[in-house]
């Protein structure tokens, strides 16, 4: 389905067989809503499961100007408004986790619970040039040149060898991501910083990290858990896309977390 959100033609999928509350999944940089296919199928019988392509990704239009994570948070609010969702559980992975943090700060009354996977609350100073380099490379050469290194960071060697079909699907989505959409998002993530506001979040929060995540080390996600009162931290045997690489374990953790609060 397509809907206009803040002037951006946005793709979303709503699996509404379930009688339960809303459950919204937000994907990673260079991904799209398909990364959540398996988990959406697992939860769709009990929840109204919403997935969407973030601005400049998948089949959502590319913005003609630079945007911030706060803009992406506003996109999510407008999408929920348009669909009539007053409150939702939110699950965000990597970039999706940053959007989820911003949304929790901007709209705490709209969230039932917050689940943050493989994400951080700010780019450290030494990491900022890397985002500029990726943005420039995407614009100048396309995402194909970034694909191999990205897959190596996102998924462990063991998983890539055992599940080449999953890796190929994720890689194809990455390579099809519009260069300008990817580059705009890189700049938004470079400038993202909510470290000083994390204590304002009082929502039930689950944080998850991949033990082998080199790009976003587990300690970065642990910082978020430590700053949010009562937040739970879980470490999975995975790299950056822990909810995908350890999908059964992640689904079990998420189901348990949600059931305590439904």
Protein backbone atom coordinates (compact mmCIF):
# COMPACT_ATOMS: atom_id res chain seq x y z
CA UNK A 1 0.00 0.00 0.00
CA UNK A 2 1.09 3.58 -0.68
CA UNK A 3 0.13 6.68 1.28
CA UNK A 4 1.34 10.28 1.23
CA UNK A 5 3.17 11.12 4.47
CA UNK A 6 4.48 14.66 4.92
CA UNK A 7 4.60 15.05 1.15
CA UNK A 8 6.46 11.75 0.68
CA UNK A 9 4.84 8.82 -1.14
CA UNK A 10 5.34 6.05 1.45
CA UNK A 11 5.00 2.29 1.16
CA UNK A 12 3.63 0.33 4.09
CA UNK A 13 2.26 -3.14 4.80
CA UNK A 14 -0.38 -3.66 7.47
CA UNK A 15 -1.01 -7.25 8.54
CA UNK A 16 -4.22 -6.78 10.49
CA UNK A 17 -5.48 -10.30 11.12
CA UNK A 18 -4.64 -10.06 14.81
CA UNK A 19 -7.09 -8.74 17.37
CA UNK A 20 -4.36 -7.32 19.56
CA UNK A 21 -2.64 -3.92 19.75
CA UNK A 22 -0.48 -2.33 17.08
CA UNK A 23 3.13 -3.48 16.61
CA UNK A 24 5.35 -1.35 14.36
CA UNK A 25 8.70 -2.48 12.92
CA UNK A 26 11.30 0.02 11.60
CA UNK A 27 14.14 -1.23 9.39
CA UNK A 28 17.84 -0.46 9.13
CA UNK A 29 19.78 1.94 6.88
CA UNK A 30 19.88 0.52 3.37
CA UNK A 31 16.99 -1.84 4.09
CA UNK A 32 13.26 -1.94 3.60
CA UNK A 33 10.20 -3.45 5.24
CA UNK A 34 10.94 -6.92 3.79
CA UNK A 35 13.66 -7.47 6.39
CA UNK A 36 10.82 -8.03 8.88
CA UNK A 37 8.93 -10.62 6.79
CA UNK A 38 9.58 -13.56 9.11
CA UNK A 39 8.94 -11.70 12.35
CA UNK A 40 5.81 -10.04 10.98
CA UNK A 41 4.46 -13.47 10.10
CA UNK A 42 5.16 -14.67 13.61
CA UNK A 43 3.23 -11.84 15.30
CA UNK A 44 0.46 -11.09 12.82
CA UNK A 45 -2.11 -13.40 14.41
CA UNK A 46 -1.98 -11.51 17.71
CA UNK A 47 -1.13 -7.96 16.69
CA UNK A 48 -1.88 -5.33 14.08
CA UNK A 49 1.58 -5.50 12.52
CA UNK A 50 2.78 -2.42 10.65
CA UNK A 51 5.93 -2.25 8.52
CA UNK A 52 6.95 0.60 6.26
CA UNK A 53 9.80 1.83 4.08
CA UNK A 54 11.58 4.78 5.66
CA UNK A 55 11.91 7.94 3.55
CA UNK A 56 14.38 7.36 0.69
CA UNK A 57 14.35 3.57 1.08
CA UNK A 58 12.58 0.72 -0.67
CA UNK A 59 9.50 2.00 -2.48
CA UNK A 60 9.17 5.18 -0.42
CA UNK A 61 10.07 8.31 -2.34
CA UNK A 62 13.40 10.07 -1.94
CA UNK A 63 13.24 13.47 -0.28
CA UNK A 64 14.53 16.33 -2.43
CA UNK A 65 16.31 17.85 0.57
CA UNK A 66 18.35 16.76 3.55
CA UNK A 67 16.35 15.41 6.48
CA UNK A 68 17.06 14.60 10.12
CA UNK A 69 16.10 11.71 12.37
CA UNK A 70 13.54 14.09 13.89
CA UNK A 71 11.98 14.39 10.41
CA UNK A 72 11.83 10.60 10.20
CA UNK A 73 10.12 10.56 13.59
CA UNK A 74 7.55 13.00 12.25
CA UNK A 75 7.03 10.74 9.23
CA UNK A 76 6.19 7.87 11.55
CA UNK A 77 3.73 9.98 13.52
CA UNK A 78 1.99 11.10 10.33
CA UNK A 79 1.78 7.50 9.11
CA UNK A 80 0.25 6.31 12.38
CA UNK A 81 -2.20 9.23 12.30
CA UNK A 82 -3.24 8.40 8.76
CA UNK A 83 -3.82 4.76 9.65
CA UNK A 84 -5.74 5.57 12.85
CA UNK A 85 -3.20 4.05 15.25
CA UNK A 86 -3.33 5.94 18.53
CA UNK A 87 -0.74 3.78 20.31
CA UNK A 88 1.70 1.12 19.19
CA UNK A 89 4.50 -1.11 20.36
CA UNK A 90 7.63 -0.11 18.42
CA UNK A 91 10.59 -2.25 17.34
CA UNK A 92 13.49 -0.46 15.68
CA UNK A 93 16.73 -1.96 14.38
CA UNK A 94 19.89 0.08 13.76
CA UNK A 95 18.63 3.27 12.02
CA UNK A 96 15.15 2.12 12.98
CA UNK A 97 16.24 2.12 16.60
CA UNK A 98 17.36 5.74 16.32
CA UNK A 99 14.02 6.71 14.80
CA UNK A 100 12.30 4.81 17.61
CA UNK A 101 14.30 6.66 20.29
CA UNK A 102 13.46 10.01 18.72
CA UNK A 103 9.79 9.05 18.41
CA UNK A 104 9.72 8.00 22.06
CA UNK A 105 11.05 11.40 23.06
CA UNK A 106 8.71 13.27 20.74
CA UNK A 107 5.55 11.21 21.30
CA UNK A 108 5.77 9.16 24.51
CA UNK A 109 1.99 8.88 24.82
CA UNK A 110 1.82 7.11 21.45
CA UNK A 111 4.00 4.16 22.49
CA UNK A 112 3.10 1.06 24.49
CA UNK A 113 6.63 -0.39 24.63
CA UNK A 114 9.98 0.33 23.03
CA UNK A 115 12.33 -2.32 21.61
CA UNK A 116 15.72 -1.15 20.35
CA UNK A 117 18.07 -3.50 18.52
CA UNK A 118 21.69 -2.95 17.46
CA UNK A 119 21.51 0.82 17.78
CA UNK A 120 23.08 3.72 19.62
CA UNK A 121 22.05 7.11 20.94
CA UNK A 122 24.69 9.16 19.11
CA UNK A 123 27.52 8.90 16.61
CA UNK A 124 30.83 9.40 18.43
CA UNK A 125 33.06 12.17 17.04
CA UNK A 126 35.50 9.68 15.57
CA UNK A 127 32.67 8.00 13.66
CA UNK A 128 31.30 11.10 11.96
CA UNK A 129 33.75 11.12 9.00
CA UNK A 130 32.73 7.55 8.19
CA UNK A 131 29.15 8.63 7.54
CA UNK A 132 30.39 11.40 5.25
CA UNK A 133 32.53 8.90 3.34
CA UNK A 134 29.64 6.48 2.89
CA UNK A 135 27.33 9.25 1.72
CA UNK A 136 29.88 10.47 -0.82
CA UNK A 137 30.61 6.98 -2.08
CA UNK A 138 26.92 6.17 -2.46
CA UNK A 139 26.33 9.34 -4.48
CA UNK A 140 29.47 8.95 -6.58
CA UNK A 141 29.59 5.21 -7.21
CA UNK A 142 26.28 3.70 -6.11
CA UNK A 143 25.58 1.27 -3.30
CA UNK A 144 27.05 -1.74 -5.09
CA UNK A 145 30.55 -0.76 -4.01
CA UNK A 146 29.42 -0.73 -0.38
CA UNK A 147 27.48 -3.98 -0.45
CA UNK A 148 30.16 -6.56 0.31
CA UNK A 149 31.58 -4.76 3.33
CA UNK A 150 28.10 -4.04 4.59
CA UNK A 151 27.04 -7.69 4.47
CA UNK A 152 30.21 -8.64 6.34
CA UNK A 153 29.36 -6.16 9.11
CA UNK A 154 25.68 -7.01 9.25
CA UNK A 155 25.84 -10.82 9.43
CA UNK A 156 28.41 -13.25 10.79
CA UNK A 157 30.42 -15.44 8.42
CA UNK A 158 28.69 -18.54 9.78
CA UNK A 159 25.24 -17.15 9.06
CA UNK A 160 26.22 -15.94 5.58
CA UNK A 161 27.51 -19.41 4.73
CA UNK A 162 24.49 -21.23 6.16
CA UNK A 163 21.80 -18.91 4.76
CA UNK A 164 22.97 -17.50 1.41
CA UNK A 165 19.39 -16.93 0.25
CA UNK A 166 18.69 -14.59 3.18
CA UNK A 167 21.93 -12.73 2.58
CA UNK A 168 21.14 -12.36 -1.12
CA UNK A 169 17.72 -10.85 -0.43
CA UNK A 170 19.15 -8.36 2.07
CA UNK A 171 21.96 -7.50 -0.33
CA UNK A 172 19.59 -6.94 -3.25
CA UNK A 173 17.48 -4.55 -1.18
CA UNK A 174 20.62 -2.71 -0.10
CA UNK A 175 21.92 -2.33 -3.66
CA UNK A 176 18.52 -1.07 -4.88
CA UNK A 177 18.36 1.65 -2.24
CA UNK A 178 18.37 5.06 -3.96
CA UNK A 179 21.84 6.62 -3.53
CA UNK A 180 20.39 9.99 -2.51
CA UNK A 181 18.06 8.36 0.02
CA UNK A 182 20.96 6.44 1.53
CA UNK A 183 23.23 9.50 1.55
CA UNK A 184 20.60 11.72 3.18
CA UNK A 185 20.09 9.06 5.86
CA UNK A 186 23.85 8.80 6.47
CA UNK A 187 23.98 12.53 7.23
CA UNK A 188 20.93 12.25 9.49
CA UNK A 189 22.56 9.43 11.47
CA UNK A 190 25.85 11.33 11.63
CA UNK A 191 24.10 14.21 13.37
CA UNK A 192 21.84 12.14 15.63
CA UNK A 193 22.45 12.62 19.36
CA UNK A 194 19.90 12.01 22.12
CA UNK A 195 22.31 10.91 24.84
CA UNK A 196 21.38 13.81 27.07
CA UNK A 197 17.68 13.01 26.87
CA UNK A 198 17.55 9.23 27.31
CA UNK A 199 16.57 9.53 30.98
CA UNK A 200 13.36 11.23 29.81
CA UNK A 201 12.19 7.91 28.37
CA UNK A 202 10.10 6.11 30.97
CA UNK A 203 8.49 3.54 28.68
CA UNK A 204 8.98 -0.20 29.17
CA UNK A 205 12.11 -0.79 27.09
CA UNK A 206 13.90 -3.84 25.73
CA UNK A 207 17.35 -3.41 24.18
CA UNK A 208 19.09 -6.11 22.14
CA UNK A 209 22.63 -6.24 20.76
CA UNK A 210 24.67 -8.65 18.66
CA UNK A 211 27.75 -9.99 20.40
CA UNK A 212 29.76 -9.78 17.16
CA UNK A 213 28.51 -6.37 16.02
CA UNK A 214 31.63 -4.38 15.14
CA UNK A 215 29.82 -1.38 13.65
CA UNK A 216 27.57 -0.76 16.66
CA UNK A 217 29.33 -2.51 19.54
CA UNK A 218 27.09 -4.00 22.24
CA UNK A 219 28.41 -1.41 24.68
CA UNK A 220 26.70 1.33 22.63
CA UNK A 221 23.32 -0.36 23.04
CA UNK A 222 24.08 -1.08 26.70
CA UNK A 223 24.50 2.68 27.24
CA UNK A 224 20.88 3.15 26.18
CA UNK A 225 19.68 0.43 28.54
CA UNK A 226 21.64 1.91 31.42
CA UNK A 227 20.15 5.37 30.83
CA UNK A 228 16.50 4.28 30.65
CA UNK A 229 15.17 3.29 34.04
CA UNK A 230 14.10 -0.34 34.14
CA UNK A 231 15.27 -1.12 30.61
CA UNK A 232 16.26 -4.70 29.87
CA UNK A 233 19.43 -5.59 27.92
CA UNK A 234 19.89 -8.84 25.98
CA UNK A 235 22.96 -10.03 24.08
CA UNK A 236 22.51 -12.40 21.12
CA UNK A 237 25.08 -14.49 19.25
CA UNK A 238 24.92 -12.41 16.08
CA UNK A 239 26.39 -9.43 14.26
CA UNK A 240 24.58 -6.18 13.42
CA UNK A 241 21.23 -7.58 12.28
CA UNK A 242 20.69 -9.60 15.43
CA UNK A 243 16.86 -9.83 15.09
CA UNK A 244 17.34 -11.42 11.66
CA UNK A 245 20.34 -13.63 12.37
CA UNK A 246 18.82 -14.90 15.64
CA UNK A 247 15.19 -14.54 14.60
CA UNK A 248 13.78 -17.33 16.77
CA UNK A 249 15.57 -16.11 19.88
CA UNK A 250 14.62 -12.51 19.17
CA UNK A 251 10.98 -13.46 18.56
CA UNK A 252 10.90 -15.32 21.88
CA UNK A 253 12.41 -12.35 23.73
CA UNK A 254 10.02 -9.91 22.09
CA UNK A 255 6.98 -12.10 22.67
CA UNK A 256 7.80 -12.48 26.36
CA UNK A 257 8.43 -8.75 26.71
CA UNK A 258 5.18 -7.81 24.98
CA UNK A 259 3.01 -10.35 26.80
CA UNK A 260 3.97 -8.87 30.15
CA UNK A 261 2.52 -5.56 29.00
CA UNK A 262 -0.49 -6.43 26.84
